[in-house]
């Protein structure tokens, strides 16, 4: 997908160097609610970001978060992540490109609708983290799953995505990724950091099978 290639090229400046050379950046997609979130969901997201900093340690510099906007629960995540020193790329849909964004983030104006933006975000991500949301977040979860990517989902947020708790870890027989739900944001942060630490040049970027039966 051309859009996802543009995202990665634009974010290339965020690659970091280590003593043994240039490490592969890990693109972590963030799917989250664009409306006014419940206080309980906000608290969980704050804990998640705080624990990311604790558990990711030396690999935190490899992470580039891809977020689809700067409102609702997405704004909560972006502000907290930037405050903690993480790198953030925001991909607003065309209708939100004139919004005010934080100077510390990289903004890529995709010029497409929210639905197409979601596809670009998911395809550009190595794996997806869903922090709670509605139909848009659920769409991104299913898209990532169909692309064979691991999906980490925060539950008990009071938002519609809580329904994933009753779903199996795999929704079709072709996918290589799993749906992983967590009600504890600290446990999810630890799992995400372990995923990043184990990711190298062979991070899963699997395209969906054309003959898959969804």
N, C-alpha and C. Protein backbone atom coordinates (compact mmCIF):
# COMPACT_ATOMS: atom_id res chain seq x y z
N UNK A 1 0.85 -1.20 0.00
CA UNK A 1 0.00 0.00 0.00
C UNK A 1 0.88 1.24 0.00
N UNK A 2 0.69 2.13 -0.97
CA UNK A 2 1.55 3.30 -1.12
C UNK A 2 1.50 4.20 0.10
N UNK A 3 0.31 4.36 0.69
CA UNK A 3 0.18 5.23 1.84
C UNK A 3 1.03 4.79 3.01
N UNK A 4 1.09 3.49 3.27
CA UNK A 4 1.88 3.00 4.38
C UNK A 4 3.37 3.20 4.13
N UNK A 5 3.80 3.10 2.86
CA UNK A 5 5.20 3.35 2.52
C UNK A 5 5.55 4.81 2.77
N UNK A 6 4.64 5.71 2.46
CA UNK A 6 4.84 7.14 2.70
C UNK A 6 5.00 7.41 4.18
N UNK A 7 4.18 6.75 4.99
CA UNK A 7 4.26 6.94 6.44
C UNK A 7 5.64 6.55 6.94
N UNK A 8 6.14 5.40 6.52
CA UNK A 8 7.43 4.92 7.01
C UNK A 8 8.58 5.78 6.50
N UNK A 9 8.49 6.23 5.26
CA UNK A 9 9.53 7.09 4.71
C UNK A 9 9.58 8.41 5.46
N UNK A 10 8.42 8.96 5.77
CA UNK A 10 8.35 10.24 6.47
C UNK A 10 8.86 10.13 7.90
N UNK A 11 8.73 8.94 8.48
CA UNK A 11 9.16 8.74 9.86
C UNK A 11 10.59 8.23 9.96
N UNK A 12 11.26 8.08 8.84
CA UNK A 12 12.60 7.48 8.83
C UNK A 12 13.58 8.23 9.72
N UNK A 13 13.42 9.55 9.84
CA UNK A 13 14.33 10.36 10.64
C UNK A 13 14.29 9.97 12.12
N UNK A 14 13.30 9.20 12.51
CA UNK A 14 13.18 8.82 13.91
C UNK A 14 13.95 7.55 14.23
N UNK A 15 14.61 6.95 13.25
CA UNK A 15 15.43 5.76 13.52
C UNK A 15 16.53 6.15 14.49
N UNK A 16 16.95 5.20 15.28
CA UNK A 16 17.96 5.48 16.29
C UNK A 16 19.18 4.61 16.06
N UNK A 17 20.33 5.08 16.53
CA UNK A 17 21.57 4.32 16.39
C UNK A 17 21.95 3.71 17.73
N UNK A 18 22.51 2.53 17.66
CA UNK A 18 23.01 1.85 18.84
C UNK A 18 24.48 1.55 18.60
N UNK A 19 25.15 1.04 19.61
CA UNK A 19 26.58 0.77 19.50
C UNK A 19 26.89 -0.24 18.42
N UNK A 20 25.94 -1.12 18.12
CA UNK A 20 26.18 -2.15 17.11
C UNK A 20 25.58 -1.78 15.75
N UNK A 21 25.26 -0.50 15.56
CA UNK A 21 24.74 -0.08 14.26
C UNK A 21 23.37 0.53 14.37
N UNK A 22 22.64 0.51 13.26
CA UNK A 22 21.31 1.10 13.22
C UNK A 22 20.27 0.03 13.51
N UNK A 23 19.46 0.26 14.52
CA UNK A 23 18.42 -0.69 14.88
C UNK A 23 17.17 -0.44 14.06
N UNK A 24 16.41 -1.48 13.86
CA UNK A 24 15.16 -1.37 13.13
C UNK A 24 14.12 -0.69 14.00
N UNK A 25 13.48 0.35 13.48
CA UNK A 25 12.39 0.97 14.22
C UNK A 25 11.20 0.02 14.21
N UNK A 26 10.45 0.03 15.29
CA UNK A 26 9.24 -0.80 15.40
C UNK A 26 8.05 0.14 15.40
N UNK A 27 7.17 0.00 14.41
CA UNK A 27 6.01 0.86 14.27
C UNK A 27 4.83 0.23 15.01
N UNK A 28 4.37 0.92 16.03
CA UNK A 28 3.27 0.42 16.86
C UNK A 28 2.03 1.27 16.60
N UNK A 29 1.03 0.67 15.98
CA UNK A 29 -0.21 1.39 15.72
C UNK A 29 -1.04 1.52 16.98
N UNK A 30 -1.64 2.68 17.17
CA UNK A 30 -2.51 2.93 18.33
C UNK A 30 -3.92 3.20 17.82
N UNK A 31 -4.86 2.36 18.23
CA UNK A 31 -6.27 2.55 17.90
C UNK A 31 -6.99 2.97 19.17
N UNK A 32 -7.72 4.07 19.12
CA UNK A 32 -8.36 4.57 20.34
C UNK A 32 -9.55 5.46 20.00
N UNK A 33 -10.40 5.65 20.99
CA UNK A 33 -11.67 6.37 20.87
C UNK A 33 -11.44 7.84 20.54
N UNK A 34 -12.24 8.38 19.60
CA UNK A 34 -12.13 9.78 19.22
C UNK A 34 -13.10 10.67 19.99
N UNK A 35 -14.04 10.07 20.71
CA UNK A 35 -15.00 10.85 21.48
C UNK A 35 -14.52 11.11 22.90
N UNK A 36 -15.42 11.61 23.73
CA UNK A 36 -15.08 11.86 25.13
C UNK A 36 -15.03 10.53 25.87
N UNK A 37 -13.87 10.14 26.37
CA UNK A 37 -13.73 8.81 26.97
C UNK A 37 -14.16 8.78 28.43
N UNK A 38 -14.58 7.62 28.92
CA UNK A 38 -14.88 7.47 30.34
C UNK A 38 -13.61 7.71 31.16
N UNK A 39 -13.77 8.24 32.35
CA UNK A 39 -12.62 8.52 33.21
C UNK A 39 -11.81 7.25 33.47
N UNK A 40 -12.51 6.14 33.63
CA UNK A 40 -11.83 4.87 33.89
C UNK A 40 -10.89 4.50 32.74
N UNK A 41 -11.33 4.78 31.51
CA UNK A 41 -10.49 4.48 30.34
C UNK A 41 -9.26 5.38 30.32
N UNK A 42 -9.45 6.65 30.67
CA UNK A 42 -8.33 7.60 30.72
C UNK A 42 -7.29 7.13 31.72
N UNK A 43 -7.75 6.71 32.89
CA UNK A 43 -6.83 6.24 33.92
C UNK A 43 -6.03 5.04 33.44
N UNK A 44 -6.69 4.14 32.74
CA UNK A 44 -6.00 2.94 32.24
C UNK A 44 -4.94 3.30 31.20
N UNK A 45 -5.26 4.24 30.32
CA UNK A 45 -4.30 4.65 29.30
C UNK A 45 -3.09 5.32 29.94
N UNK A 46 -3.31 6.16 30.94
CA UNK A 46 -2.20 6.80 31.64
C UNK A 46 -1.28 5.77 32.29
N UNK A 47 -1.86 4.77 32.91
CA UNK A 47 -1.06 3.71 33.53
C UNK A 47 -0.29 2.95 32.46
N UNK A 48 -0.95 2.66 31.35
CA UNK A 48 -0.31 1.92 30.26
C UNK A 48 0.96 2.63 29.78
N UNK A 49 0.87 3.94 29.54
CA UNK A 49 2.03 4.68 29.04
C UNK A 49 3.13 4.75 30.09
N UNK A 50 2.75 4.97 31.34
CA UNK A 50 3.74 5.02 32.42
C UNK A 50 4.50 3.70 32.51
N UNK A 51 3.79 2.60 32.41
CA UNK A 51 4.42 1.29 32.53
C UNK A 51 5.22 0.93 31.28
N UNK A 52 4.82 1.48 30.13
CA UNK A 52 5.63 1.30 28.92
C UNK A 52 7.04 1.82 29.16
N UNK A 53 7.12 3.00 29.73
CA UNK A 53 8.42 3.60 30.00
C UNK A 53 9.24 2.71 30.94
N UNK A 54 8.57 2.13 31.93
CA UNK A 54 9.26 1.28 32.90
C UNK A 54 9.75 -0.02 32.27
N UNK A 55 8.88 -0.68 31.52
CA UNK A 55 9.20 -2.02 31.01
C UNK A 55 10.01 -2.00 29.72
N UNK A 56 9.82 -1.00 28.88
CA UNK A 56 10.54 -0.99 27.60
C UNK A 56 12.02 -0.63 27.76
N UNK A 57 12.32 0.20 28.74
CA UNK A 57 13.72 0.49 29.03
C UNK A 57 14.52 0.88 27.81
N UNK A 58 15.58 0.10 27.54
CA UNK A 58 16.50 0.41 26.46
C UNK A 58 15.92 0.29 25.07
N UNK A 59 14.79 -0.39 24.92
CA UNK A 59 14.21 -0.54 23.57
C UNK A 59 13.18 0.54 23.26
N UNK A 60 12.91 1.41 24.23
CA UNK A 60 11.87 2.43 24.01
C UNK A 60 12.22 3.36 22.85
N UNK A 61 13.51 3.57 22.62
CA UNK A 61 13.93 4.44 21.53
C UNK A 61 13.66 3.88 20.15
N UNK A 62 13.36 2.59 20.08
CA UNK A 62 13.06 1.96 18.78
C UNK A 62 11.60 2.14 18.40
N UNK A 63 10.76 2.51 19.36
CA UNK A 63 9.32 2.55 19.12
C UNK A 63 8.90 3.85 18.44
N UNK A 64 8.12 3.73 17.38
CA UNK A 64 7.46 4.87 16.76
C UNK A 64 5.96 4.58 16.80
N UNK A 65 5.24 5.36 17.56
CA UNK A 65 3.79 5.18 17.67
C UNK A 65 3.09 5.88 16.50
N UNK A 66 2.16 5.18 15.88
CA UNK A 66 1.34 5.74 14.81
C UNK A 66 -0.08 5.90 15.34
N UNK A 67 -0.58 7.12 15.35
CA UNK A 67 -1.90 7.42 15.93
C UNK A 67 -2.75 8.12 14.87
N UNK A 68 -4.04 7.80 14.84
CA UNK A 68 -4.91 8.30 13.78
C UNK A 68 -5.53 9.66 13.99
N UNK A 69 -5.17 10.37 15.05
CA UNK A 69 -5.74 11.68 15.29
C UNK A 69 -5.31 12.23 16.64
N UNK A 70 -5.90 13.37 17.00
CA UNK A 70 -5.51 14.04 18.24
C UNK A 70 -6.75 14.54 18.97
N UNK A 71 -7.69 13.63 19.19
CA UNK A 71 -8.87 13.96 19.98
C UNK A 71 -9.25 12.75 20.81
N UNK A 72 -10.07 12.98 21.83
CA UNK A 72 -10.55 11.88 22.66
C UNK A 72 -9.43 11.13 23.35
N UNK A 73 -9.55 9.81 23.35
CA UNK A 73 -8.56 8.96 24.00
C UNK A 73 -7.23 8.99 23.26
N UNK A 74 -7.27 9.27 21.96
CA UNK A 74 -6.02 9.41 21.20
C UNK A 74 -5.19 10.57 21.74
N UNK A 75 -5.83 11.68 22.06
CA UNK A 75 -5.12 12.84 22.60
C UNK A 75 -4.51 12.52 23.96
N UNK A 76 -5.26 11.80 24.78
CA UNK A 76 -4.73 11.40 26.09
C UNK A 76 -3.45 10.61 25.90
N UNK A 77 -3.48 9.64 24.97
CA UNK A 77 -2.30 8.82 24.73
C UNK A 77 -1.14 9.66 24.19
N UNK A 78 -1.40 10.47 23.17
CA UNK A 78 -0.34 11.25 22.54
C UNK A 78 0.35 12.16 23.54
N UNK A 79 -0.43 12.90 24.32
CA UNK A 79 0.16 13.83 25.29
C UNK A 79 1.02 13.09 26.30
N UNK A 80 0.52 11.97 26.79
CA UNK A 80 1.26 11.20 27.79
C UNK A 80 2.52 10.59 27.18
N UNK A 81 2.40 10.07 25.98
CA UNK A 81 3.56 9.44 25.33
C UNK A 81 4.66 10.46 25.04
N UNK A 82 4.28 11.63 24.54
CA UNK A 82 5.27 12.68 24.28
C UNK A 82 5.91 13.15 25.57
N UNK A 83 5.11 13.28 26.61
CA UNK A 83 5.62 13.68 27.92
C UNK A 83 6.68 12.70 28.41
N UNK A 84 6.50 11.43 28.07
CA UNK A 84 7.42 10.39 28.52
C UNK A 84 8.57 10.17 27.54
N UNK A 85 8.65 10.97 26.51
CA UNK A 85 9.78 10.91 25.60
C UNK A 85 9.65 9.95 24.44
N UNK A 86 8.46 9.42 24.20
CA UNK A 86 8.26 8.51 23.07
C UNK A 86 8.08 9.30 21.77
N UNK A 87 8.36 8.64 20.66
CA UNK A 87 8.19 9.26 19.34
C UNK A 87 6.78 8.96 18.84
N UNK A 88 6.11 9.98 18.33
CA UNK A 88 4.71 9.84 17.90
C UNK A 88 4.52 10.45 16.52
N UNK A 89 3.87 9.68 15.64
CA UNK A 89 3.47 10.17 14.32
C UNK A 89 1.94 10.18 14.29
N UNK A 90 1.35 11.32 13.95
CA UNK A 90 -0.11 11.46 13.90
C UNK A 90 -0.55 11.50 12.44
N UNK A 91 -1.54 10.67 12.11
CA UNK A 91 -2.07 10.57 10.75
C UNK A 91 -3.54 11.00 10.75
N UNK A 92 -3.81 12.29 10.76
CA UNK A 92 -5.21 12.73 10.81
C UNK A 92 -5.92 12.49 9.48
N UNK A 93 -7.22 12.21 9.51
CA UNK A 93 -7.98 12.14 8.26
C UNK A 93 -8.12 13.54 7.68
N UNK A 94 -8.52 13.62 6.42
CA UNK A 94 -8.58 14.91 5.73
C UNK A 94 -9.42 15.93 6.49
N UNK A 95 -10.51 15.49 7.09
CA UNK A 95 -11.42 16.43 7.76
C UNK A 95 -10.87 16.98 9.07
N UNK A 96 -9.75 16.43 9.56
CA UNK A 96 -9.17 16.93 10.82
C UNK A 96 -7.76 17.47 10.62
N UNK A 97 -7.36 17.70 9.39
CA UNK A 97 -5.99 18.14 9.13
C UNK A 97 -5.69 19.54 9.64
N UNK A 98 -6.72 20.36 9.86
CA UNK A 98 -6.52 21.72 10.33
C UNK A 98 -6.54 21.82 11.86
N UNK A 99 -6.67 20.71 12.53
CA UNK A 99 -6.63 20.71 13.99
C UNK A 99 -5.26 21.17 14.48
N UNK A 100 -5.21 21.60 15.73
CA UNK A 100 -3.92 21.94 16.35
C UNK A 100 -3.27 20.66 16.86
N UNK A 101 -1.99 20.50 16.58
CA UNK A 101 -1.26 19.32 16.99
C UNK A 101 -0.03 19.71 17.79
N UNK A 102 0.46 18.83 18.65
CA UNK A 102 1.66 19.14 19.43
C UNK A 102 2.90 19.24 18.54
N UNK A 103 3.77 20.20 18.84
CA UNK A 103 4.95 20.41 18.02
C UNK A 103 5.91 19.23 18.06
N UNK A 104 5.88 18.47 19.15
CA UNK A 104 6.83 17.36 19.30
C UNK A 104 6.50 16.17 18.41
N UNK A 105 5.27 16.11 17.92
CA UNK A 105 4.85 14.99 17.08
C UNK A 105 5.11 15.30 15.61
N UNK A 106 5.28 14.24 14.82
CA UNK A 106 5.34 14.37 13.37
C UNK A 106 3.92 14.20 12.83
N UNK A 107 3.48 15.13 11.99
CA UNK A 107 2.12 15.08 11.44
C UNK A 107 2.21 14.75 9.95
N UNK A 108 1.53 13.69 9.55
CA UNK A 108 1.47 13.31 8.14
C UNK A 108 0.03 13.47 7.68
N UNK A 109 -0.21 14.44 6.81
CA UNK A 109 -1.56 14.70 6.30
C UNK A 109 -1.83 13.76 5.14
N UNK A 110 -2.64 12.77 5.39
CA UNK A 110 -2.88 11.72 4.39
C UNK A 110 -3.81 12.16 3.28
N UNK A 111 -4.69 13.14 3.56
CA UNK A 111 -5.62 13.62 2.55
C UNK A 111 -6.73 12.64 2.21
N UNK A 112 -6.97 11.67 3.10
CA UNK A 112 -8.00 10.66 2.84
C UNK A 112 -9.02 10.64 3.97
N UNK A 113 -10.11 9.92 3.76
CA UNK A 113 -11.15 9.82 4.77
C UNK A 113 -10.67 9.01 5.97
N UNK A 114 -11.44 9.04 7.04
CA UNK A 114 -11.06 8.32 8.25
C UNK A 114 -10.93 6.83 8.01
N UNK A 115 -11.81 6.27 7.17
CA UNK A 115 -11.75 4.84 6.90
C UNK A 115 -10.47 4.45 6.17
N UNK A 116 -10.11 5.22 5.14
CA UNK A 116 -8.88 4.93 4.42
C UNK A 116 -7.66 5.20 5.29
N UNK A 117 -7.72 6.27 6.09
CA UNK A 117 -6.63 6.57 7.02
C UNK A 117 -6.38 5.39 7.95
N UNK A 118 -7.46 4.77 8.43
CA UNK A 118 -7.32 3.62 9.33
C UNK A 118 -6.59 2.48 8.64
N UNK A 119 -6.89 2.25 7.37
CA UNK A 119 -6.22 1.19 6.62
C UNK A 119 -4.73 1.47 6.48
N UNK A 120 -4.39 2.73 6.20
CA UNK A 120 -2.99 3.12 6.08
C UNK A 120 -2.26 2.92 7.40
N UNK A 121 -2.89 3.37 8.48
CA UNK A 121 -2.28 3.24 9.81
C UNK A 121 -2.00 1.78 10.15
N UNK A 122 -2.98 0.94 9.94
CA UNK A 122 -2.83 -0.48 10.28
C UNK A 122 -1.76 -1.13 9.41
N UNK A 123 -1.78 -0.84 8.11
CA UNK A 123 -0.84 -1.48 7.20
C UNK A 123 0.59 -1.04 7.48
N UNK A 124 0.77 0.21 7.94
CA UNK A 124 2.11 0.71 8.24
C UNK A 124 2.63 0.20 9.58
N UNK A 125 1.75 -0.31 10.42
CA UNK A 125 2.13 -0.76 11.76
C UNK A 125 2.67 -2.18 11.74
N UNK A 126 3.63 -2.45 12.61
CA UNK A 126 4.13 -3.81 12.77
C UNK A 126 3.19 -4.63 13.64
N UNK A 127 2.55 -3.98 14.58
CA UNK A 127 1.46 -4.59 15.34
C UNK A 127 0.59 -3.47 15.89
N UNK A 128 -0.58 -3.83 16.42
CA UNK A 128 -1.56 -2.83 16.83
C UNK A 128 -1.88 -2.93 18.31
N UNK A 129 -2.05 -1.77 18.93
CA UNK A 129 -2.51 -1.68 20.32
C UNK A 129 -3.82 -0.90 20.32
N UNK A 130 -4.89 -1.52 20.80
CA UNK A 130 -6.20 -0.87 20.89
C UNK A 130 -6.47 -0.50 22.34
N UNK A 131 -6.66 0.79 22.59
CA UNK A 131 -6.81 1.28 23.96
C UNK A 131 -8.25 1.47 24.38
N UNK A 132 -9.17 1.06 23.52
CA UNK A 132 -10.59 1.23 23.81
C UNK A 132 -11.21 2.21 22.83
N UNK A 133 -12.37 1.83 22.28
CA UNK A 133 -13.01 2.72 21.33
C UNK A 133 -14.31 2.16 20.81
N UNK A 134 -14.76 2.72 19.69
CA UNK A 134 -16.02 2.31 19.10
C UNK A 134 -15.82 1.56 17.80
N UNK A 135 -16.69 1.82 16.82
CA UNK A 135 -16.65 1.05 15.57
C UNK A 135 -15.35 1.26 14.80
N UNK A 136 -14.80 2.48 14.84
CA UNK A 136 -13.55 2.74 14.13
C UNK A 136 -12.40 1.94 14.70
N UNK A 137 -12.33 1.87 16.02
CA UNK A 137 -11.28 1.08 16.67
C UNK A 137 -11.46 -0.40 16.38
N UNK A 138 -12.71 -0.86 16.43
CA UNK A 138 -12.99 -2.26 16.11
C UNK A 138 -12.59 -2.58 14.67
N UNK A 139 -12.86 -1.65 13.76
CA UNK A 139 -12.47 -1.85 12.36
C UNK A 139 -10.96 -2.02 12.24
N UNK A 140 -10.21 -1.19 12.95
CA UNK A 140 -8.75 -1.29 12.90
C UNK A 140 -8.26 -2.59 13.52
N UNK A 141 -8.92 -3.04 14.58
CA UNK A 141 -8.56 -4.32 15.20
C UNK A 141 -8.74 -5.46 14.20
N UNK A 142 -9.88 -5.50 13.53
CA UNK A 142 -10.16 -6.59 12.58
C UNK A 142 -9.24 -6.51 11.37
N UNK A 143 -8.97 -5.29 10.89
CA UNK A 143 -8.07 -5.13 9.74
C UNK A 143 -6.68 -5.65 10.08
N UNK A 144 -6.17 -5.27 11.25
CA UNK A 144 -4.84 -5.74 11.66
C UNK A 144 -4.82 -7.25 11.80
N UNK A 145 -5.89 -7.80 12.38
CA UNK A 145 -5.97 -9.25 12.55
C UNK A 145 -5.97 -9.96 11.20
N UNK A 146 -6.73 -9.43 10.24
CA UNK A 146 -6.78 -10.03 8.92
C UNK A 146 -5.46 -9.92 8.17
N UNK A 147 -4.63 -8.95 8.56
CA UNK A 147 -3.30 -8.82 7.96
C UNK A 147 -2.27 -9.70 8.67
N UNK A 148 -2.71 -10.48 9.64
CA UNK A 148 -1.80 -11.38 10.32
C UNK A 148 -0.95 -10.73 11.39
N UNK A 149 -1.40 -9.60 11.90
CA UNK A 149 -0.61 -8.88 12.90
C UNK A 149 -1.14 -9.13 14.31
N UNK A 150 -0.24 -9.10 15.27
CA UNK A 150 -0.64 -9.23 16.66
C UNK A 150 -1.43 -7.98 17.06
N UNK A 151 -2.48 -8.18 17.84
CA UNK A 151 -3.30 -7.06 18.31
C UNK A 151 -3.45 -7.17 19.82
N UNK A 152 -3.04 -6.11 20.51
CA UNK A 152 -3.15 -6.03 21.97
C UNK A 152 -4.32 -5.10 22.29
N UNK A 153 -5.28 -5.59 23.07
CA UNK A 153 -6.51 -4.83 23.28
C UNK A 153 -6.75 -4.63 24.78
N UNK A 154 -6.88 -3.37 25.18
CA UNK A 154 -7.19 -3.04 26.57
C UNK A 154 -8.70 -3.13 26.77
N UNK A 155 -9.12 -3.92 27.74
CA UNK A 155 -10.56 -4.13 27.96
C UNK A 155 -11.00 -3.53 29.30
N UNK A 156 -12.29 -3.70 29.58
CA UNK A 156 -12.90 -3.12 30.79
C UNK A 156 -12.70 -1.61 30.83
N UNK A 157 -12.85 -0.99 29.67
CA UNK A 157 -12.72 0.46 29.56
C UNK A 157 -14.07 1.17 29.58
N UNK A 158 -15.16 0.40 29.46
CA UNK A 158 -16.48 0.99 29.36
C UNK A 158 -16.82 1.41 27.94
N UNK A 159 -16.02 0.97 26.97
CA UNK A 159 -16.22 1.31 25.57
C UNK A 159 -16.57 0.05 24.77
N UNK A 160 -17.17 0.21 23.57
CA UNK A 160 -17.64 -0.95 22.81
C UNK A 160 -16.60 -2.03 22.53
N UNK A 161 -15.32 -1.65 22.45
CA UNK A 161 -14.29 -2.65 22.17
C UNK A 161 -14.14 -3.69 23.27
N UNK A 162 -14.78 -3.48 24.40
CA UNK A 162 -14.74 -4.48 25.48
C UNK A 162 -15.30 -5.83 25.02
N UNK A 163 -16.07 -5.82 23.92
CA UNK A 163 -16.68 -7.07 23.44
C UNK A 163 -15.64 -8.09 22.98
N UNK A 164 -14.41 -7.64 22.74
CA UNK A 164 -13.40 -8.60 22.25
C UNK A 164 -13.08 -9.67 23.29
N UNK A 165 -13.46 -9.43 24.52
CA UNK A 165 -13.20 -10.43 25.58
C UNK A 165 -13.88 -11.76 25.28
N UNK A 166 -14.98 -11.72 24.53
CA UNK A 166 -15.72 -12.96 24.26
C UNK A 166 -15.30 -13.59 22.92
N UNK A 167 -14.36 -12.96 22.22
CA UNK A 167 -13.93 -13.48 20.93
C UNK A 167 -12.76 -14.45 21.09
N UNK A 168 -12.63 -15.41 20.19
CA UNK A 168 -11.45 -16.28 20.21
C UNK A 168 -10.21 -15.49 19.80
N UNK A 169 -9.04 -16.03 20.07
CA UNK A 169 -7.81 -15.31 19.74
C UNK A 169 -7.57 -15.23 18.24
N UNK A 170 -8.18 -16.14 17.48
CA UNK A 170 -8.08 -16.09 16.02
C UNK A 170 -9.47 -16.23 15.42
N UNK A 171 -9.77 -15.34 14.47
CA UNK A 171 -11.11 -15.31 13.89
C UNK A 171 -11.19 -16.00 12.53
N UNK A 172 -10.06 -16.35 11.96
CA UNK A 172 -10.08 -17.15 10.73
C UNK A 172 -8.84 -18.03 10.71
N UNK A 173 -8.86 -19.06 9.89
CA UNK A 173 -7.82 -20.07 9.94
C UNK A 173 -6.53 -19.67 9.24
N UNK A 174 -6.53 -18.53 8.55
CA UNK A 174 -5.35 -18.13 7.81
C UNK A 174 -4.44 -17.19 8.60
N UNK A 175 -4.99 -16.42 9.49
CA UNK A 175 -4.21 -15.38 10.13
C UNK A 175 -3.09 -15.94 11.00
N UNK A 176 -1.98 -15.22 11.05
CA UNK A 176 -0.85 -15.63 11.88
C UNK A 176 -0.84 -14.89 13.21
N UNK A 177 -1.55 -13.77 13.28
CA UNK A 177 -1.56 -12.99 14.51
C UNK A 177 -2.67 -13.41 15.44
N UNK A 178 -2.62 -12.90 16.66
CA UNK A 178 -3.62 -13.22 17.68
C UNK A 178 -4.25 -11.95 18.22
N UNK A 179 -5.50 -12.08 18.66
CA UNK A 179 -6.15 -11.03 19.43
C UNK A 179 -5.85 -11.30 20.90
N UNK A 180 -5.20 -10.35 21.56
CA UNK A 180 -4.80 -10.54 22.95
C UNK A 180 -5.45 -9.46 23.79
N UNK A 181 -6.36 -9.84 24.68
CA UNK A 181 -7.06 -8.85 25.50
C UNK A 181 -6.49 -8.82 26.91
N UNK A 182 -6.45 -7.61 27.48
CA UNK A 182 -5.89 -7.38 28.81
C UNK A 182 -6.80 -6.41 29.56
N UNK A 183 -7.18 -6.76 30.78
CA UNK A 183 -7.90 -5.79 31.59
C UNK A 183 -6.95 -4.98 32.47
N UNK A 184 -5.70 -5.44 32.59
CA UNK A 184 -4.70 -4.76 33.39
C UNK A 184 -3.73 -4.04 32.46
N UNK A 185 -3.70 -2.69 32.48
CA UNK A 185 -2.83 -1.95 31.56
C UNK A 185 -1.34 -2.19 31.81
N UNK A 186 -0.98 -2.51 33.04
CA UNK A 186 0.44 -2.79 33.32
C UNK A 186 0.88 -4.09 32.67
N UNK A 187 0.04 -5.10 32.75
CA UNK A 187 0.36 -6.39 32.13
C UNK A 187 0.45 -6.23 30.62
N UNK A 188 -0.45 -5.42 30.04
CA UNK A 188 -0.40 -5.20 28.60
C UNK A 188 0.86 -4.45 28.21
N UNK A 189 1.25 -3.46 29.00
CA UNK A 189 2.47 -2.71 28.71
C UNK A 189 3.69 -3.63 28.71
N UNK A 190 3.74 -4.53 29.67
CA UNK A 190 4.86 -5.48 29.73
C UNK A 190 4.89 -6.37 28.49
N UNK A 191 3.73 -6.85 28.06
CA UNK A 191 3.66 -7.71 26.88
C UNK A 191 4.06 -6.96 25.61
N UNK A 192 3.63 -5.71 25.50
CA UNK A 192 3.99 -4.90 24.33
C UNK A 192 5.50 -4.68 24.28
N UNK A 193 6.11 -4.39 25.42
CA UNK A 193 7.56 -4.16 25.46
C UNK A 193 8.33 -5.44 25.13
N UNK A 194 7.82 -6.57 25.57
CA UNK A 194 8.45 -7.85 25.22
C UNK A 194 8.38 -8.08 23.72
N UNK A 195 7.26 -7.71 23.11
CA UNK A 195 7.12 -7.83 21.65
C UNK A 195 8.15 -6.97 20.94
N UNK A 196 8.30 -5.73 21.40
CA UNK A 196 9.27 -4.82 20.78
C UNK A 196 10.68 -5.36 20.94
N UNK A 197 11.00 -5.84 22.14
CA UNK A 197 12.35 -6.34 22.41
C UNK A 197 12.70 -7.54 21.53
N UNK A 198 11.69 -8.32 21.19
CA UNK A 198 11.92 -9.52 20.36
C UNK A 198 11.80 -9.25 18.87
N UNK A 199 11.54 -7.98 18.52
CA UNK A 199 11.36 -7.62 17.11
C UNK A 199 12.67 -7.13 16.52
N UNK A 200 13.04 -7.67 15.38
CA UNK A 200 14.22 -7.23 14.67
C UNK A 200 13.86 -6.91 13.25
N UNK A 201 14.73 -7.26 12.35
CA UNK A 201 14.47 -6.99 10.93
C UNK A 201 13.37 -7.86 10.38
N UNK A 202 12.96 -8.89 11.16
CA UNK A 202 11.94 -9.81 10.67
C UNK A 202 10.58 -9.57 11.33
N UNK A 203 10.33 -8.34 11.75
CA UNK A 203 9.03 -8.00 12.31
C UNK A 203 7.95 -8.38 11.31
N UNK A 204 6.85 -8.93 11.82
CA UNK A 204 5.79 -9.40 10.92
C UNK A 204 5.16 -8.25 10.15
N UNK A 205 5.32 -8.29 8.84
CA UNK A 205 4.64 -7.32 7.97
C UNK A 205 3.84 -8.09 6.92
N UNK A 206 3.18 -9.13 7.38
CA UNK A 206 2.49 -10.05 6.49
C UNK A 206 1.27 -9.41 5.84
N UNK A 207 1.16 -9.51 4.53
CA UNK A 207 -0.04 -9.04 3.83
C UNK A 207 -1.11 -10.12 3.90
N UNK A 208 -2.38 -9.75 3.83
CA UNK A 208 -3.45 -10.75 3.90
C UNK A 208 -3.43 -11.68 2.70
N UNK A 209 -3.80 -12.93 2.90
CA UNK A 209 -3.90 -13.88 1.79
C UNK A 209 -5.11 -13.54 0.93
N UNK A 210 -4.93 -13.61 -0.36
CA UNK A 210 -6.03 -13.28 -1.26
C UNK A 210 -7.13 -14.33 -1.22
N UNK A 211 -6.77 -15.56 -0.82
CA UNK A 211 -7.77 -16.62 -0.79
C UNK A 211 -8.33 -16.86 0.60
N UNK A 212 -8.02 -15.93 1.52
CA UNK A 212 -8.50 -16.12 2.89
C UNK A 212 -10.02 -16.02 2.93
N UNK A 213 -10.61 -16.80 3.81
CA UNK A 213 -12.06 -16.77 4.00
C UNK A 213 -12.33 -16.08 5.33
N UNK A 214 -12.87 -14.87 5.28
CA UNK A 214 -13.09 -14.10 6.50
C UNK A 214 -14.51 -14.32 7.01
